[in-house]
Protein backbone atom coordinates (compact mmCIF):
# COMPACT_ATOMS: atom_id res chain seq x y z
CA UNK A 1 169.03 156.35 229.32
CA UNK A 2 170.63 157.67 232.44
CA UNK A 3 174.30 156.60 232.69
CA UNK A 4 173.96 154.62 229.44
CA UNK A 5 171.25 152.36 230.85
CA UNK A 6 169.58 151.92 227.43
CA UNK A 7 172.79 151.11 225.52
CA UNK A 8 172.39 147.32 225.31
CA UNK A 9 168.83 147.73 224.06
CA UNK A 10 169.95 150.37 221.54
CA UNK A 11 172.60 148.01 220.16
CA UNK A 12 170.27 145.03 220.01
CA UNK A 13 167.39 146.93 218.38
CA UNK A 14 169.70 149.14 216.30
CA UNK A 15 167.99 152.36 217.32
CA UNK A 16 168.00 155.31 219.66
CA UNK A 17 164.98 156.19 221.76
CA UNK A 18 163.83 159.07 223.86
CA UNK A 19 161.68 158.92 226.98
CA UNK A 20 158.73 161.06 227.96
CA UNK A 21 156.39 158.71 226.09
CA UNK A 22 153.18 160.38 227.28
CA UNK A 23 154.40 163.76 226.01
CA UNK A 24 155.47 162.25 222.69
CA UNK A 25 152.05 160.58 222.39
CA UNK A 26 150.27 163.92 222.98
CA UNK A 27 152.54 165.70 220.49
CA UNK A 28 151.69 163.26 217.71
CA UNK A 29 148.04 162.89 218.69
CA UNK A 30 147.52 166.66 218.49
CA UNK A 31 150.20 167.25 215.80
CA UNK A 32 151.62 170.07 217.91
CA UNK A 33 155.41 170.45 218.05
CA UNK A 34 155.39 173.96 219.53
CA UNK A 35 157.66 174.67 222.49
CA UNK A 36 154.91 175.92 224.82
CA UNK A 37 152.74 172.86 224.12
CA UNK A 38 155.65 170.54 224.90
CA UNK A 39 156.43 172.42 228.13
CA UNK A 40 152.79 172.25 229.22
CA UNK A 41 152.65 168.51 228.54
CA UNK A 42 155.90 167.94 230.44
CA UNK A 43 154.47 169.82 233.42
CA UNK A 44 151.22 167.86 233.13
CA UNK A 45 152.76 164.39 232.86
CA UNK A 46 156.19 164.71 234.48
CA UNK A 47 155.82 167.43 237.07
CA UNK A 48 159.08 168.53 238.63
CA UNK A 49 158.83 170.71 241.70
CA UNK A 50 159.19 174.39 240.78
CA UNK A 51 161.28 173.62 237.69
CA UNK A 52 160.63 174.59 234.09
CA UNK A 53 161.71 171.69 231.97
CA UNK A 54 163.39 173.69 229.23
CA UNK A 55 166.22 171.19 228.60
CA UNK A 56 163.73 168.30 228.40
CA UNK A 57 161.54 170.26 225.99
CA UNK A 58 164.53 171.07 223.79
CA UNK A 59 165.67 167.44 223.80
CA UNK A 60 162.23 166.12 222.86
CA UNK A 61 161.73 168.66 220.09
CA UNK A 62 165.25 168.12 218.73
CA UNK A 63 164.80 164.35 218.70
CA UNK A 64 161.43 164.50 216.95
CA UNK A 65 162.09 167.33 214.50
CA UNK A 66 165.81 167.92 213.99
CA UNK A 67 167.36 164.44 213.98
CA UNK A 68 167.54 163.28 210.36
CA UNK A 69 168.63 160.28 208.34
CA UNK A 70 172.40 160.47 207.85
CA UNK A 71 173.11 162.33 211.10
CA UNK A 72 175.98 161.07 213.22
CA UNK A 73 175.06 160.16 216.79
CA UNK A 74 177.11 159.59 219.90
CA UNK A 75 175.82 157.43 222.72
CA UNK A 76 177.11 158.60 226.07
CA UNK A 77 177.13 157.43 229.64
CA UNK A 78 176.91 160.39 231.96
CA UNK A 79 178.95 163.44 231.05
CA UNK A 80 182.35 161.81 230.75
CA UNK A 81 182.08 158.64 228.59
CA UNK A 82 181.29 158.12 224.91
CA UNK A 83 180.10 154.53 224.55
CA UNK A 84 178.98 154.38 220.93
CA UNK A 85 178.93 156.05 217.56
CA UNK A 86 176.52 155.51 214.69
CA UNK A 87 174.54 156.97 211.82
CA UNK A 88 170.78 157.58 211.88
CA UNK A 89 169.00 155.52 209.19
CA UNK A 90 165.35 156.55 209.65
CA UNK A 91 163.03 159.41 210.39
CA UNK A 92 161.20 159.40 213.73
CA UNK A 93 159.15 156.27 214.30
CA UNK A 94 156.69 155.52 217.10
CA UNK A 95 156.61 152.27 219.05
CA UNK A 96 153.06 152.11 220.38
CA UNK A 97 153.95 149.11 222.56
CA UNK A 98 156.50 151.06 224.61
CA UNK A 99 154.79 153.56 226.89
CA UNK A 100 157.91 155.42 228.05
CA UNK A 101 160.45 155.15 225.19
CA UNK A 102 157.94 155.54 222.38
CA UNK A 103 159.86 157.70 219.87
CA UNK A 104 162.84 156.19 218.07
CA UNK A 105 165.21 156.51 215.15
CA UNK A 106 166.89 153.48 213.61
CA UNK A 107 170.68 153.66 213.80
CA UNK A 108 173.53 151.81 212.14
CA UNK A 109 175.86 151.52 215.13
CA UNK A 110 179.43 151.66 213.83
CA UNK A 111 181.34 151.53 217.10
CA UNK A 112 180.55 149.99 220.50
CA UNK A 113 182.88 151.45 223.10
CA UNK A 114 180.93 150.27 226.14
CA UNK A 115 183.63 147.86 227.36
CA UNK A 116 186.26 150.58 227.14
CA UNK A 117 184.50 153.95 226.95
CA UNK A 118 186.21 156.84 225.24
CA UNK A 119 186.88 159.53 227.83
CA UNK A 120 187.38 162.84 226.04
CA UNK A 121 189.27 165.64 227.70
CA UNK A 122 186.11 167.80 227.63
CA UNK A 123 182.78 167.52 229.40
CA UNK A 124 179.89 166.04 227.48
CA UNK A 125 176.52 167.84 227.35
CA UNK A 126 174.03 167.25 230.14
CA UNK A 127 170.94 167.38 227.90
CA UNK A 128 169.53 164.11 226.57
CA UNK A 129 169.79 165.36 222.97
CA UNK A 130 172.33 168.00 222.01
CA UNK A 131 172.86 169.14 218.45
CA UNK A 132 176.50 169.75 217.55
CA UNK A 133 177.71 171.95 214.74
CA UNK A 134 179.85 170.29 212.08
CA UNK A 135 183.11 171.72 213.45
CA UNK A 136 182.62 170.33 216.96
CA UNK A 137 181.34 167.02 215.56
CA UNK A 138 184.40 166.65 213.36
CA UNK A 139 186.65 167.39 216.33
CA UNK A 140 184.91 164.74 218.44
CA UNK A 141 184.99 162.12 215.69
CA UNK A 142 188.63 162.85 214.89
CA UNK A 143 189.60 162.56 218.56
CA UNK A 144 187.89 159.17 218.82
CA UNK A 145 189.52 157.89 215.63
CA UNK A 146 192.84 159.56 216.44
CA UNK A 147 193.32 161.58 213.26
CA UNK A 148 193.72 165.27 212.50
CA UNK A 149 191.29 166.78 209.98
CA UNK A 150 192.69 169.24 207.46
CA UNK A 151 192.22 172.93 208.39
CA UNK A 152 189.43 173.49 205.85
CA UNK A 153 187.45 170.34 206.69
CA UNK A 154 183.77 171.26 207.02
CA UNK A 155 182.23 167.83 206.59
CA UNK A 156 183.46 164.29 206.72
CA UNK A 157 182.83 162.31 203.57
CA UNK A 158 184.00 158.96 204.83
CA UNK A 159 183.68 156.09 202.35
CA UNK A 160 183.03 153.46 205.01
CA UNK A 161 179.85 154.73 206.64
CA UNK A 162 178.29 151.31 207.10
CA UNK A 163 181.44 149.54 208.21
CA UNK A 164 182.55 148.73 211.72
CA UNK A 165 186.23 149.40 212.39
CA UNK A 166 187.11 146.49 214.62
CA UNK A 167 190.21 144.50 215.31
CA UNK A 168 193.11 144.09 217.68
CA UNK A 169 195.69 146.84 218.05
CA UNK A 170 198.19 147.12 215.22
CA UNK A 171 195.98 145.81 212.42
CA UNK A 172 195.78 149.13 210.52
CA UNK A 173 192.40 150.62 211.48
CA UNK A 174 193.83 154.09 212.16
CA UNK A 175 196.24 153.81 209.22
CA UNK A 176 193.33 153.17 206.85
CA UNK A 177 191.24 155.96 208.36
CA UNK A 178 194.11 158.45 207.96
CA UNK A 179 193.94 158.00 204.19
CA UNK A 180 190.63 159.93 204.26
CA UNK A 181 191.68 163.12 206.04
């Protein structure tokens, strides 16, 4: 949601959702995931004056087709704050009772940073859903956890994927994480 407005719901329900519920409904009803179909449905249901909704189309299609179980996800507020980190635990599901945020993926939220957002020294993407390559994902994760990956790191095989690193400063969270570089 805009400026992290859906974060509390995402934590409580342990999921991520995407808006444009009428478009998502049409996509599944007609089993049509093609770009032009999505653009036409966006224009039909969510008309923006003289604007092609290319970023919205890409976000919807990415969320429905490209997000997979095991993917890492960052929850953000605006383009400057990371407020959560988790791992996707389901394929796309539809919530027929929610007209606007119909499509969802279940998520195991590992970190809630909403009380003290992580402010990276780079701008975050503007699009609702942005796929990152493994190198940029590793850089973002390592900057949040404050460790330096080895030069040939292509993936992160962390042994604690369903564990929340939580505790007061000085209790060894970063020390333990550094064992897995």
